[in-house]
Structures are given as structure tokens and as C-alpha cells.
C-alpha atoms as a PDB file:
ATOM      1  CA  GLN A   1      58.604   7.162 -19.901  1.00  0.00           C
ATOM      2  CA  VAL A   2      57.390  10.754 -20.204  1.00  0.00           C
ATOM      3  CA  GLN A   3      54.188  11.900 -21.871  1.00  0.00           C
ATOM      4  CA  LEU A   4      54.117  15.415 -23.305  1.00  0.00           C
ATOM      5  CA  VAL A   5      50.950  17.238 -24.331  1.00  0.00           C
ATOM      6  CA  GLU A   6      51.044  20.520 -26.217  1.00  0.00           C
ATOM      7  CA  SER A   7      48.242  23.079 -26.246  1.00  0.00           C
ATOM      8  CA  GLY A   8      47.608  26.670 -27.263  1.00  0.00           C
ATOM      9  CA  GLY A   9      47.877  26.458 -31.025  1.00  0.00           C
ATOM     10  CA  ASP A  10      45.407  28.562 -32.978  1.00  0.00           C
ATOM     11  CA  LEU A  11      44.775  30.729 -36.016  1.00  0.00           C
ATOM     12  CA  VAL A  12      46.152  34.233 -35.462  1.00  0.00           C
ATOM     13  CA  GLN A  13      46.668  37.291 -37.617  1.00  0.00           C
ATOM     14  CA  PRO A  14      50.146  38.536 -38.520  1.00  0.00           C
ATOM     15  CA  GLY A  15      51.538  40.623 -35.702  1.00  0.00           C
ATOM     16  CA  GLY A  16      49.514  38.732 -33.114  1.00  0.00           C
ATOM     17  CA  SER A  17      50.606  36.661 -30.142  1.00  0.00           C
ATOM     18  CA  LEU A  18      50.110  33.123 -28.889  1.00  0.00           C
ATOM     19  CA  ARG A  19      51.280  31.202 -25.857  1.00  0.00           C
ATOM     20  CA  LEU A  20      51.962  27.498 -26.264  1.00  0.00           C
ATOM     21  CA  SER A  21      52.116  25.148 -23.297  1.00  0.00           C
ATOM     22  CA  CYS A  22      53.654  21.713 -22.893  1.00  0.00           C
ATOM     23  CA  GLU A  23      52.436  19.631 -19.974  1.00  0.00           C
ATOM     24  CA  ALA A  24      54.672  16.755 -18.914  1.00  0.00           C
ATOM     25  CA  SER A  25      53.657  13.646 -17.010  1.00  0.00           C
ATOM     26  CA  ARG A  26      56.373  14.298 -14.434  1.00  0.00           C
ATOM     27  CA  MET A  27      57.846  17.342 -12.738  1.00  0.00           C
ATOM     28  CA  LEU A  28      60.272  19.210 -14.967  1.00  0.00           C
ATOM     29  CA  VAL A  29      62.943  19.247 -12.267  1.00  0.00           C
ATOM     30  CA  SER A  30      63.523  15.573 -13.128  1.00  0.00           C
ATOM     31  CA  LEU A  31      64.142  16.291 -16.817  1.00  0.00           C
ATOM     32  CA  GLY A  32      67.081  17.647 -18.776  1.00  0.00           C
ATOM     33  CA  ASN A  33      66.911  20.074 -21.664  1.00  0.00           C
ATOM     34  CA  MET A  34      63.476  20.854 -23.030  1.00  0.00           C
ATOM     35  CA  ALA A  35      62.738  22.389 -26.386  1.00  0.00           C
ATOM     36  CA  TRP A  36      60.198  23.502 -28.924  1.00  0.00           C
ATOM     37  CA  TYR A  37      60.500  22.389 -32.520  1.00  0.00           C
ATOM     38  CA  ARG A  38      58.297  23.170 -35.481  1.00  0.00           C
ATOM     39  CA  GLN A  39      57.571  21.622 -38.831  1.00  0.00           C
ATOM     40  CA  ALA A  40      55.975  23.471 -41.707  1.00  0.00           C
ATOM     41  CA  PRO A  41      54.364  21.626 -44.646  1.00  0.00           C
ATOM     42  CA  GLY A  42      57.013  20.242 -46.951  1.00  0.00           C
ATOM     43  CA  LYS A  43      59.860  21.221 -44.652  1.00  0.00           C
ATOM     44  CA  GLN A  44      62.032  19.447 -42.117  1.00  0.00           C
ATOM     45  CA  ARG A  45      61.420  19.759 -38.420  1.00  0.00           C
ATOM     46  CA  GLU A  46      63.529  22.595 -37.005  1.00  0.00           C
ATOM     47  CA  LEU A  47      64.586  23.683 -33.539  1.00  0.00           C
ATOM     48  CA  VAL A  48      62.816  26.836 -32.354  1.00  0.00           C
ATOM     49  CA  ALA A  49      64.042  27.234 -28.781  1.00  0.00           C
ATOM     50  CA  VAL A  50      65.713  25.193 -26.056  1.00  0.00           C
ATOM     51  CA  ILE A  51      65.954  25.674 -22.292  1.00  0.00           C
ATOM     52  CA  SER A  52      68.287  23.889 -19.902  1.00  0.00           C
ATOM     53  CA  PRO A  53      67.325  22.756 -16.381  1.00  0.00           C
ATOM     54  CA  ALA A  54      69.126  25.852 -15.051  1.00  0.00           C
ATOM     55  CA  GLY A  55      67.144  28.124 -17.359  1.00  0.00           C
ATOM     56  CA  THR A  56      69.759  28.834 -20.023  1.00  0.00           C
ATOM     57  CA  THR A  57      68.000  29.490 -23.313  1.00  0.00           C
ATOM     58  CA  ASN A  58      68.881  29.434 -26.972  1.00  0.00           C
ATOM     59  CA  TYR A  59      66.778  30.442 -29.957  1.00  0.00           C
ATOM     60  CA  ALA A  60      66.699  30.018 -33.697  1.00  0.00           C
ATOM     61  CA  SER A  61      67.769  33.241 -35.364  1.00  0.00           C
ATOM     62  CA  SER A  62      64.382  33.495 -37.072  1.00  0.00           C
ATOM     63  CA  VAL A  63      62.530  33.814 -33.739  1.00  0.00           C
ATOM     64  CA  LYS A  64      65.091  35.567 -31.534  1.00  0.00           C
ATOM     65  CA  GLY A  65      63.591  38.656 -29.931  1.00  0.00           C
ATOM     66  CA  ARG A  66      60.035  37.525 -30.683  1.00  0.00           C
ATOM     67  CA  PHE A  67      59.698  34.190 -28.844  1.00  0.00           C
ATOM     68  CA  THR A  68      60.403  33.392 -25.194  1.00  0.00           C
ATOM     69  CA  ILE A  69      60.757  29.892 -23.795  1.00  0.00           C
ATOM     70  CA  SER A  70      60.248  29.190 -20.098  1.00  0.00           C
ATOM     71  CA  ARG A  71      59.898  26.214 -17.766  1.00  0.00           C
ATOM     72  CA  ASP A  72      58.456  25.717 -14.312  1.00  0.00           C
ATOM     73  CA  ASN A  73      60.789  23.256 -12.617  1.00  0.00           C
ATOM     74  CA  ALA A  74      58.543  23.198  -9.546  1.00  0.00           C
ATOM     75  CA  GLY A  75      55.691  22.071 -11.750  1.00  0.00           C
ATOM     76  CA  ASN A  76      55.240  20.217 -15.002  1.00  0.00           C
ATOM     77  CA  THR A  77      54.728  22.906 -17.634  1.00  0.00           C
ATOM     78  CA  MET A  78      56.984  24.462 -20.243  1.00  0.00           C
ATOM     79  CA  SER A  79      55.785  27.402 -22.325  1.00  0.00           C
ATOM     80  CA  LEU A  80      56.582  29.308 -25.492  1.00  0.00           C
ATOM     81  CA  GLN A  81      55.412  32.909 -25.683  1.00  0.00           C
ATOM     82  CA  MET A  82      55.247  33.960 -29.327  1.00  0.00           C
ATOM     83  CA  ASN A  83      54.902  37.637 -30.224  1.00  0.00           C
ATOM     84  CA  SER A  84      54.942  39.536 -33.510  1.00  0.00           C
ATOM     85  CA  LEU A  85      53.926  36.388 -35.352  1.00  0.00           C
ATOM     86  CA  LYS A  86      54.608  36.138 -39.071  1.00  0.00           C
ATOM     87  CA  PRO A  87      53.040  33.929 -41.755  1.00  0.00           C
ATOM     88  CA  GLU A  88      56.329  32.016 -41.929  1.00  0.00           C
ATOM     89  CA  ASP A  89      55.803  30.941 -38.305  1.00  0.00           C
ATOM     90  CA  THR A  90      52.945  28.728 -39.502  1.00  0.00           C
ATOM     91  CA  ALA A  91      53.751  25.149 -38.543  1.00  0.00           C
ATOM     92  CA  VAL A  92      52.994  22.304 -36.197  1.00  0.00           C
ATOM     93  CA  TYR A  93      54.869  23.001 -32.957  1.00  0.00           C
ATOM     94  CA  TYR A  94      56.266  20.078 -30.980  1.00  0.00           C
ATOM     95  CA  CYS A  95      57.478  19.830 -27.411  1.00  0.00           C
ATOM     96  CA  ASN A  96      60.604  17.772 -26.707  1.00  0.00           C
ATOM     97  CA  ALA A  97      62.179  16.634 -23.450  1.00  0.00           C
ATOM     98  CA  GLU A  98      65.488  14.855 -22.871  1.00  0.00           C
ATOM     99  CA  LEU A  99      67.050  12.916 -20.052  1.00  0.00           C
ATOM    100  CA  GLY A 100      70.419  11.367 -20.677  1.00  0.00           C
ATOM    101  CA  HIS A 101      70.163   9.399 -23.901  1.00  0.00           C
ATOM    102  CA  MET A 102      66.357   9.362 -23.832  1.00  0.00           C
ATOM    103  CA  SER A 103      64.123  11.782 -25.727  1.00  0.00           C
ATOM    104  CA  TRP A 104      60.346  12.221 -25.803  1.00  0.00           C
ATOM    105  CA  TRP A 105      57.999  14.114 -28.109  1.00  0.00           C
ATOM    106  CA  GLY A 106      54.485  15.415 -27.919  1.00  0.00           C
ATOM    107  CA  GLU A 107      52.024  15.067 -30.767  1.00  0.00           C
ATOM    108  CA  GLY A 108      52.144  18.747 -31.699  1.00  0.00           C
ATOM    109  CA  THR A 109      49.840  21.742 -31.853  1.00  0.00           C
ATOM    110  CA  GLN A 110      49.002  23.688 -35.021  1.00  0.00           C
ATOM    111  CA  VAL A 111      49.875  27.365 -35.287  1.00  0.00           C
ATOM    112  CA  THR A 112      48.557  29.212 -38.317  1.00  0.00           C
ATOM    113  CA  VAL A 113      49.436  32.848 -38.951  1.00  0.00           C
ATOM    114  CA  SER A 114      47.222  34.316 -41.636  1.00  0.00           C
ATOM    115  CA  SER A 115      45.021  37.302 -42.354  1.00  0.00           C
END
């Protein structure tokens, strides 16, 4: 079992930046792929970014060039640096971790981009 706790969500103006963190209950070196998802009101949850244990990353086209995912395999924290935020980035952001056929989710952190 893995517990994941997200933090860093906030209200920010368009064009601003935020850094989200996901703290796991075990060291990330013991986990497989980790990812950030988001869910806006009335919409399905969507993949934002994923990072493999080796550090290979992949991004949704809507955030490519603006968001950066990273993980500290020597520790227990994964992050999402979000720059040039847009109102359409408003959503609850969720951390996900996988290991084999198992998958765990955090409870989410709210990001609101508004003037």
C-alpha cells in the first residue's frame, strides 16, 4: 500500500506559476511510473504528465513546454512545475503511482487560474 499526498495548489493569476508536490509513503525508487492527472468541473480526469523510474517524461499536448514533471528517486517526492498558467488549467490535480498491476491515487489539490 502506498499513500500519496498532494500539496501546492492555490489561486493564481493567468501567466503565473505554481509548483505542485506529491509526497509518497515510500521511497520513489521502489515505484514504477508516476504521473499527474487533472479533472476540471464537468470533465473527465485527464493525464497531464508521466515520468518513468528512469526519468523519461511525456506530456499532454496542452501543457507541453509549460509544465515540467520531476521525481526524486532518492527521496519520496514527485513535483510538477507549472508555468505560464492559463484559466483552462483550472482543475483538481491528482498524483498517481504504479507498481506492476497496482495503482494508487492521492486525494488531489485544487489549482485555480483566474484574474
